[in-house]
């Protein structure tokens, strides 16, 4: 689940029902760094909140060494690896998406 707060320029990412030891939020907003945004474990979910400017951002979750898309992403786009990346859209002036993972 993705919750956007356009006024605060914050996005909350919630990944549900994933059995993993560690999950990270990875995408254009952090240059696909697999360690910059660790998600916090709750009872049944993994959560992360980040502040980003207006635009479209490709992203995925890195869960125990495996890439995962967000089932509630705003859209999906093909990536250079033959798969798809999730996309989150922060309202306002759009910035172009870059090549993803």
C-alpha atoms as a PDB file:
ATOM      1  CA  UNK A   1       0.000   0.000   0.000  1.00  0.00           C
ATOM      2  CA  UNK A   2       1.188   3.483  -0.859  1.00  0.00           C
ATOM      3  CA  UNK A   3      -0.053   6.544   1.021  1.00  0.00           C
ATOM      4  CA  UNK A   4       0.885   9.989  -0.285  1.00  0.00           C
ATOM      5  CA  UNK A   5       0.914  13.258   1.606  1.00  0.00           C
ATOM      6  CA  UNK A   6       1.499  15.798  -1.219  1.00  0.00           C
ATOM      7  CA  UNK A   7       1.583  18.809   1.105  1.00  0.00           C
ATOM      8  CA  UNK A   8       4.382  17.285   3.211  1.00  0.00           C
ATOM      9  CA  UNK A   9       5.965  15.601   0.139  1.00  0.00           C
ATOM     10  CA  UNK A  10       6.006  12.299   2.065  1.00  0.00           C
ATOM     11  CA  UNK A  11       5.206   8.816   0.862  1.00  0.00           C
ATOM     12  CA  UNK A  12       4.452   5.899   3.179  1.00  0.00           C
ATOM     13  CA  UNK A  13       5.139   2.443   1.774  1.00  0.00           C
ATOM     14  CA  UNK A  14       3.545  -0.593   3.438  1.00  0.00           C
ATOM     15  CA  UNK A  15       4.309  -4.129   2.320  1.00  0.00           C
ATOM     16  CA  UNK A  16       1.922  -6.709   3.786  1.00  0.00           C
ATOM     17  CA  UNK A  17       2.156 -10.421   4.469  1.00  0.00           C
ATOM     18  CA  UNK A  18       5.806 -10.848   3.511  1.00  0.00           C
ATOM     19  CA  UNK A  19       7.812 -13.440   5.383  1.00  0.00           C
ATOM     20  CA  UNK A  20      11.296 -11.906   5.427  1.00  0.00           C
ATOM     21  CA  UNK A  21      14.056 -11.102   7.871  1.00  0.00           C
ATOM     22  CA  UNK A  22      14.973  -7.770   6.250  1.00  0.00           C
ATOM     23  CA  UNK A  23      13.245  -5.549   3.695  1.00  0.00           C
ATOM     24  CA  UNK A  24      14.560  -2.374   2.060  1.00  0.00           C
ATOM     25  CA  UNK A  25      12.854   0.265  -0.074  1.00  0.00           C
ATOM     26  CA  UNK A  26      14.967   0.811  -3.194  1.00  0.00           C
ATOM     27  CA  UNK A  27      14.478   3.072  -6.224  1.00  0.00           C
ATOM     28  CA  UNK A  28      15.239   6.190  -8.218  1.00  0.00           C
ATOM     29  CA  UNK A  29      14.932   8.328  -5.068  1.00  0.00           C
ATOM     30  CA  UNK A  30      18.010   6.647  -3.519  1.00  0.00           C
ATOM     31  CA  UNK A  31      19.955   5.672  -6.675  1.00  0.00           C
ATOM     32  CA  UNK A  32      18.884   2.042  -6.172  1.00  0.00           C
ATOM     33  CA  UNK A  33      20.906   1.765  -2.941  1.00  0.00           C
ATOM     34  CA  UNK A  34      19.846  -1.491  -1.268  1.00  0.00           C
ATOM     35  CA  UNK A  35      20.712  -0.282   2.243  1.00  0.00           C
ATOM     36  CA  UNK A  36      19.632   3.383   2.458  1.00  0.00           C
ATOM     37  CA  UNK A  37      15.953   2.853   3.367  1.00  0.00           C
ATOM     38  CA  UNK A  38      15.441  -0.154   5.651  1.00  0.00           C
ATOM     39  CA  UNK A  39      11.778  -0.883   6.330  1.00  0.00           C
ATOM     40  CA  UNK A  40      10.473  -1.366   9.868  1.00  0.00           C
ATOM     41  CA  UNK A  41       8.711  -4.592  10.790  1.00  0.00           C
ATOM     42  CA  UNK A  42       5.310  -4.427  12.467  1.00  0.00           C
ATOM     43  CA  UNK A  43       3.066  -7.367  13.323  1.00  0.00           C
ATOM     44  CA  UNK A  44       2.017  -8.172   9.730  1.00  0.00           C
ATOM     45  CA  UNK A  45       3.668  -5.424   7.653  1.00  0.00           C
ATOM     46  CA  UNK A  46       6.880  -3.732   6.665  1.00  0.00           C
ATOM     47  CA  UNK A  47       6.775   0.090   6.635  1.00  0.00           C
ATOM     48  CA  UNK A  48       8.934   2.978   5.407  1.00  0.00           C
ATOM     49  CA  UNK A  49       8.264   6.683   4.993  1.00  0.00           C
ATOM     50  CA  UNK A  50      10.364   8.941   2.791  1.00  0.00           C
ATOM     51  CA  UNK A  51      10.245  12.548   1.669  1.00  0.00           C
ATOM     52  CA  UNK A  52      10.506  13.069  -2.103  1.00  0.00           C
ATOM     53  CA  UNK A  53       9.924  15.946  -4.512  1.00  0.00           C
ATOM     54  CA  UNK A  54       7.136  15.884  -7.102  1.00  0.00           C
ATOM     55  CA  UNK A  55       7.610  13.377  -9.907  1.00  0.00           C
ATOM     56  CA  UNK A  56       7.466   9.739 -10.884  1.00  0.00           C
ATOM     57  CA  UNK A  57       9.845   7.285  -9.244  1.00  0.00           C
ATOM     58  CA  UNK A  58      10.614   3.681 -10.113  1.00  0.00           C
ATOM     59  CA  UNK A  59      11.055   1.469  -7.075  1.00  0.00           C
ATOM     60  CA  UNK A  60      11.060  -2.077  -5.720  1.00  0.00           C
ATOM     61  CA  UNK A  61      11.422  -3.842  -2.409  1.00  0.00           C
ATOM     62  CA  UNK A  62      14.602  -5.818  -1.648  1.00  0.00           C
ATOM     63  CA  UNK A  63      13.445  -8.619   0.669  1.00  0.00           C
ATOM     64  CA  UNK A  64      16.053 -11.113   1.850  1.00  0.00           C
ATOM     65  CA  UNK A  65      17.958 -10.751  -1.419  1.00  0.00           C
ATOM     66  CA  UNK A  66      14.909 -10.906  -3.709  1.00  0.00           C
ATOM     67  CA  UNK A  67      13.316  -8.109  -5.713  1.00  0.00           C
ATOM     68  CA  UNK A  68       9.587  -7.535  -5.188  1.00  0.00           C
ATOM     69  CA  UNK A  69       7.154  -5.132  -6.814  1.00  0.00           C
ATOM     70  CA  UNK A  70       4.455  -3.315  -4.880  1.00  0.00           C
ATOM     71  CA  UNK A  71       1.010  -4.766  -5.661  1.00  0.00           C
ATOM     72  CA  UNK A  72      -0.534  -1.307  -5.113  1.00  0.00           C
ATOM     73  CA  UNK A  73       1.948   0.699  -7.240  1.00  0.00           C
ATOM     74  CA  UNK A  74       0.482   3.530  -9.298  1.00  0.00           C
ATOM     75  CA  UNK A  75       1.769   1.783 -12.405  1.00  0.00           C
ATOM     76  CA  UNK A  76       4.463  -0.584 -13.644  1.00  0.00           C
ATOM     77  CA  UNK A  77       7.089   0.011 -16.304  1.00  0.00           C
ATOM     78  CA  UNK A  78       9.462  -2.393 -18.075  1.00  0.00           C
ATOM     79  CA  UNK A  79      13.059  -2.403 -16.897  1.00  0.00           C
ATOM     80  CA  UNK A  80      16.312  -3.251 -18.677  1.00  0.00           C
ATOM     81  CA  UNK A  81      16.400  -6.692 -17.038  1.00  0.00           C
ATOM     82  CA  UNK A  82      13.245  -7.966 -18.752  1.00  0.00           C
ATOM     83  CA  UNK A  83      11.024  -7.436 -15.699  1.00  0.00           C
ATOM     84  CA  UNK A  84       8.988  -4.568 -14.380  1.00  0.00           C
ATOM     85  CA  UNK A  85       9.503  -1.833 -11.802  1.00  0.00           C
ATOM     86  CA  UNK A  86       6.801  -0.357  -9.605  1.00  0.00           C
ATOM     87  CA  UNK A  87       6.152   3.386  -9.976  1.00  0.00           C
ATOM     88  CA  UNK A  88       4.990   5.878  -7.358  1.00  0.00           C
ATOM     89  CA  UNK A  89       3.744   9.292  -8.467  1.00  0.00           C
ATOM     90  CA  UNK A  90       4.127  12.324  -6.218  1.00  0.00           C
ATOM     91  CA  UNK A  91       1.725  15.007  -7.501  1.00  0.00           C
ATOM     92  CA  UNK A  92       3.149  18.241  -8.863  1.00  0.00           C
ATOM     93  CA  UNK A  93       5.673  18.923 -11.590  1.00  0.00           C
ATOM     94  CA  UNK A  94       6.790  15.561 -12.929  1.00  0.00           C
ATOM     95  CA  UNK A  95      10.388  14.512 -13.304  1.00  0.00           C
ATOM     96  CA  UNK A  96      11.226  11.808 -15.808  1.00  0.00           C
ATOM     97  CA  UNK A  97      11.905   8.263 -14.616  1.00  0.00           C
ATOM     98  CA  UNK A  98      15.340   6.761 -15.043  1.00  0.00           C
ATOM     99  CA  UNK A  99      16.476   3.250 -15.904  1.00  0.00           C
ATOM    100  CA  UNK A 100      15.579   0.932 -13.028  1.00  0.00           C
ATOM    101  CA  UNK A 101      16.627  -2.437 -11.742  1.00  0.00           C
END
